[in-house]
Amino acid sequence: MSSEKPEPTDLRTAAADFTWLLERFAADTAGVSDAIAVSSDGLLIATSRQCEQADSERLAAIVAGLTSLAAGASGNYGLGALNKVILDLEHGHVLVSAIGAGAVLGIVTSSEAAKLGNIAYAMTLFAKRAGAALTPQLVLELKNSVGTASAR
């Protein structure tokens, strides 16, 4: 494997591929109404649907907060790395799952169509498929491109 720095066009292609995988995950997983990827520093790196940037940023802040709370619980009780966080709400769920060393997946479900076991399994598959590709360079490219995709 080459230790050369990836070319910018390669990173743009990888970022587009990652975003496409996230869009497919949300579209193909019953009950998922929104999905985002958030970097380890809490910034939005990809969204599954074109919506108001403020809505995606708000969900990114929620996901980052849940991730931080999980890290605090883990640190206090020695529970290990984040697997999943599930918020069970009256009309749906918010789920957070690690997808690599540098990011987490956050999803919103509707209560009517959401089968949490199926969604958790799909999240695990997504993490294996997409998480392996997340390098620090790709996360930086995704951070830089997430706003421009919705502006088109």
Protein backbone atom coordinates (compact mmCIF):
# COMPACT_ATOMS: atom_id res chain seq x y z
CA MET A 1 0.00 0.00 0.00
CA SER A 2 1.31 3.42 -0.94
CA SER A 3 1.99 6.03 1.73
CA GLU A 4 1.50 8.85 -0.78
CA LYS A 5 -0.94 11.61 0.02
CA PRO A 6 -4.28 11.06 -1.79
CA GLU A 7 -4.94 13.36 -4.75
CA PRO A 8 -7.73 15.94 -4.29
CA THR A 9 -9.81 14.33 -7.05
CA ASP A 10 -9.50 10.96 -5.32
CA LEU A 11 -10.71 12.54 -2.08
CA ARG A 12 -13.64 14.22 -3.84
CA THR A 13 -14.62 10.89 -5.37
CA ALA A 14 -14.28 9.12 -2.02
CA ALA A 15 -16.38 11.84 -0.34
CA ALA A 16 -19.08 11.49 -3.01
CA ASP A 17 -19.01 7.70 -2.57
CA PHE A 18 -19.35 7.99 1.22
CA THR A 19 -22.28 10.39 0.89
CA TRP A 20 -23.92 8.08 -1.65
CA LEU A 21 -23.58 5.14 0.77
CA LEU A 22 -25.23 7.23 3.50
CA GLU A 23 -28.07 8.22 1.17
CA ARG A 24 -28.59 4.56 0.17
CA PHE A 25 -28.54 3.47 3.82
CA ALA A 26 -31.30 5.95 4.69
CA ALA A 27 -33.37 5.17 1.60
CA ASP A 28 -33.07 1.38 1.90
CA THR A 29 -33.56 1.00 5.67
CA ALA A 30 -37.24 0.90 6.63
CA GLY A 31 -38.18 3.49 9.23
CA VAL A 32 -35.14 5.74 8.78
CA SER A 33 -36.23 9.29 8.05
CA ASP A 34 -32.83 11.00 8.32
CA ALA A 35 -29.21 9.93 8.62
CA ILE A 36 -26.06 11.97 9.11
CA ALA A 37 -22.39 11.37 9.74
CA VAL A 38 -20.61 13.47 12.34
CA SER A 39 -16.85 13.76 12.87
CA SER A 40 -15.24 13.05 16.22
CA ASP A 41 -15.05 16.81 16.85
CA GLY A 42 -18.84 17.11 16.43
CA LEU A 43 -18.98 18.58 12.94
CA LEU A 44 -21.38 17.44 10.24
CA ILE A 45 -19.59 15.52 7.47
CA ALA A 46 -22.45 13.97 5.44
CA THR A 47 -26.23 14.00 5.20
CA SER A 48 -28.65 11.53 3.66
CA ARG A 49 -31.03 14.09 2.27
CA GLN A 50 -30.95 17.61 0.96
CA CYS A 51 -32.64 19.75 3.60
CA GLU A 52 -31.99 22.98 5.38
CA GLN A 53 -28.36 23.12 6.52
CA ALA A 54 -29.54 24.36 9.92
CA ASP A 55 -31.62 21.17 10.42
CA SER A 56 -28.64 18.95 9.65
CA GLU A 57 -26.37 21.04 11.91
CA ARG A 58 -28.91 20.79 14.74
CA LEU A 59 -29.04 16.99 14.40
CA ALA A 60 -25.22 16.92 14.30
CA ALA A 61 -25.15 18.82 17.61
CA ILE A 62 -27.60 16.33 19.15
CA VAL A 63 -25.52 13.38 17.91
CA ALA A 64 -22.31 14.97 19.20
CA GLY A 65 -23.92 15.54 22.59
CA LEU A 66 -25.11 11.93 22.82
CA THR A 67 -21.65 10.73 21.81
CA SER A 68 -20.08 12.87 24.52
CA LEU A 69 -22.51 11.58 27.15
CA ALA A 70 -21.72 8.00 26.12
CA ALA A 71 -17.98 8.69 26.41
CA GLY A 72 -18.54 10.13 29.90
CA ALA A 73 -20.48 7.05 31.00
CA SER A 74 -17.82 4.81 29.53
CA GLY A 75 -15.04 6.68 31.28
CA ASN A 76 -16.77 6.62 34.67
CA TYR A 77 -17.65 2.95 34.54
CA GLY A 78 -15.00 1.48 32.24
CA LEU A 79 -17.56 0.31 29.68
CA GLY A 80 -15.35 0.58 26.59
CA ALA A 81 -15.88 2.23 23.23
CA LEU A 82 -19.21 3.45 21.87
CA ASN A 83 -21.35 0.80 20.23
CA LYS A 84 -24.83 2.34 20.01
CA VAL A 85 -26.89 4.94 21.81
CA ILE A 86 -30.66 4.67 21.49
CA LEU A 87 -33.11 7.38 22.47
CA ASP A 88 -36.60 5.96 22.63
CA LEU A 89 -39.04 8.81 22.16
CA GLU A 90 -42.83 8.90 21.92
CA HIS A 91 -42.93 9.24 18.12
CA GLY A 92 -39.62 7.74 17.07
CA HIS A 93 -36.00 7.13 17.90
CA VAL A 94 -32.59 8.74 17.61
CA LEU A 95 -29.76 6.24 17.26
CA VAL A 96 -26.01 6.87 17.27
CA SER A 97 -23.36 4.35 16.28
CA ALA A 98 -19.61 4.51 15.77
CA ILE A 99 -18.60 4.15 12.12
CA GLY A 100 -14.85 4.40 12.38
CA ALA A 101 -12.12 6.02 14.38
CA GLY A 102 -13.13 9.48 13.25
CA ALA A 103 -16.91 9.54 12.98
CA VAL A 104 -20.34 8.43 14.18
CA LEU A 105 -23.60 7.75 12.39
CA GLY A 106 -26.74 9.45 13.67
CA ILE A 107 -30.19 8.47 12.50
CA VAL A 108 -33.79 9.49 13.17
CA THR A 109 -36.60 6.97 12.81
CA SER A 110 -40.34 7.08 12.76
CA SER A 111 -42.01 4.87 15.35
CA GLU A 112 -44.50 3.35 12.90
CA ALA A 113 -42.03 1.69 10.54
CA ALA A 114 -38.97 1.34 12.78
CA LYS A 115 -37.82 -2.13 13.71
CA LEU A 116 -34.85 -1.37 15.94
CA GLY A 117 -33.19 -4.77 15.47
CA ASN A 118 -33.20 -4.37 11.69
CA ILE A 119 -32.00 -0.79 11.92
CA ALA A 120 -29.18 -1.69 14.32
CA TYR A 121 -28.09 -4.47 11.97
CA ALA A 122 -28.14 -2.08 8.99
CA MET A 123 -26.11 0.44 11.01
CA THR A 124 -23.50 -2.23 11.75
CA LEU A 125 -23.27 -3.15 8.06
CA PHE A 126 -22.94 0.52 7.13
CA ALA A 127 -20.19 0.99 9.72
CA LYS A 128 -18.22 -1.95 8.33
CA ARG A 129 -18.67 -0.84 4.73
CA ALA A 130 -18.13 2.89 5.10
CA GLY A 131 -16.06 3.11 8.26
CA ALA A 132 -13.06 1.33 6.78
CA ALA A 133 -12.75 4.09 4.18
CA LEU A 134 -12.78 6.97 6.67
CA THR A 135 -9.30 8.41 6.85
CA PRO A 136 -8.47 11.75 8.48
CA GLN A 137 -8.02 13.20 4.98
CA LEU A 138 -11.46 11.95 3.88
CA VAL A 139 -13.13 13.31 7.02
CA LEU A 140 -11.56 16.72 6.28
CA GLU A 141 -12.76 16.56 2.65
CA LEU A 142 -16.26 15.62 3.82
CA LYS A 143 -16.32 18.54 6.29
CA ASN A 144 -15.35 20.90 3.48
CA SER A 145 -17.85 19.53 0.97
CA VAL A 146 -20.98 18.92 3.07
CA GLY A 147 -22.24 22.48 2.71
CA THR A 148 -21.48 22.75 -0.99
CA ALA A 149 -23.52 19.67 -1.90
CA SER A 150 -26.73 21.21 -0.56
CA ALA A 151 -26.02 24.52 -2.26
CA ARG A 152 -26.13 22.97 -5.73
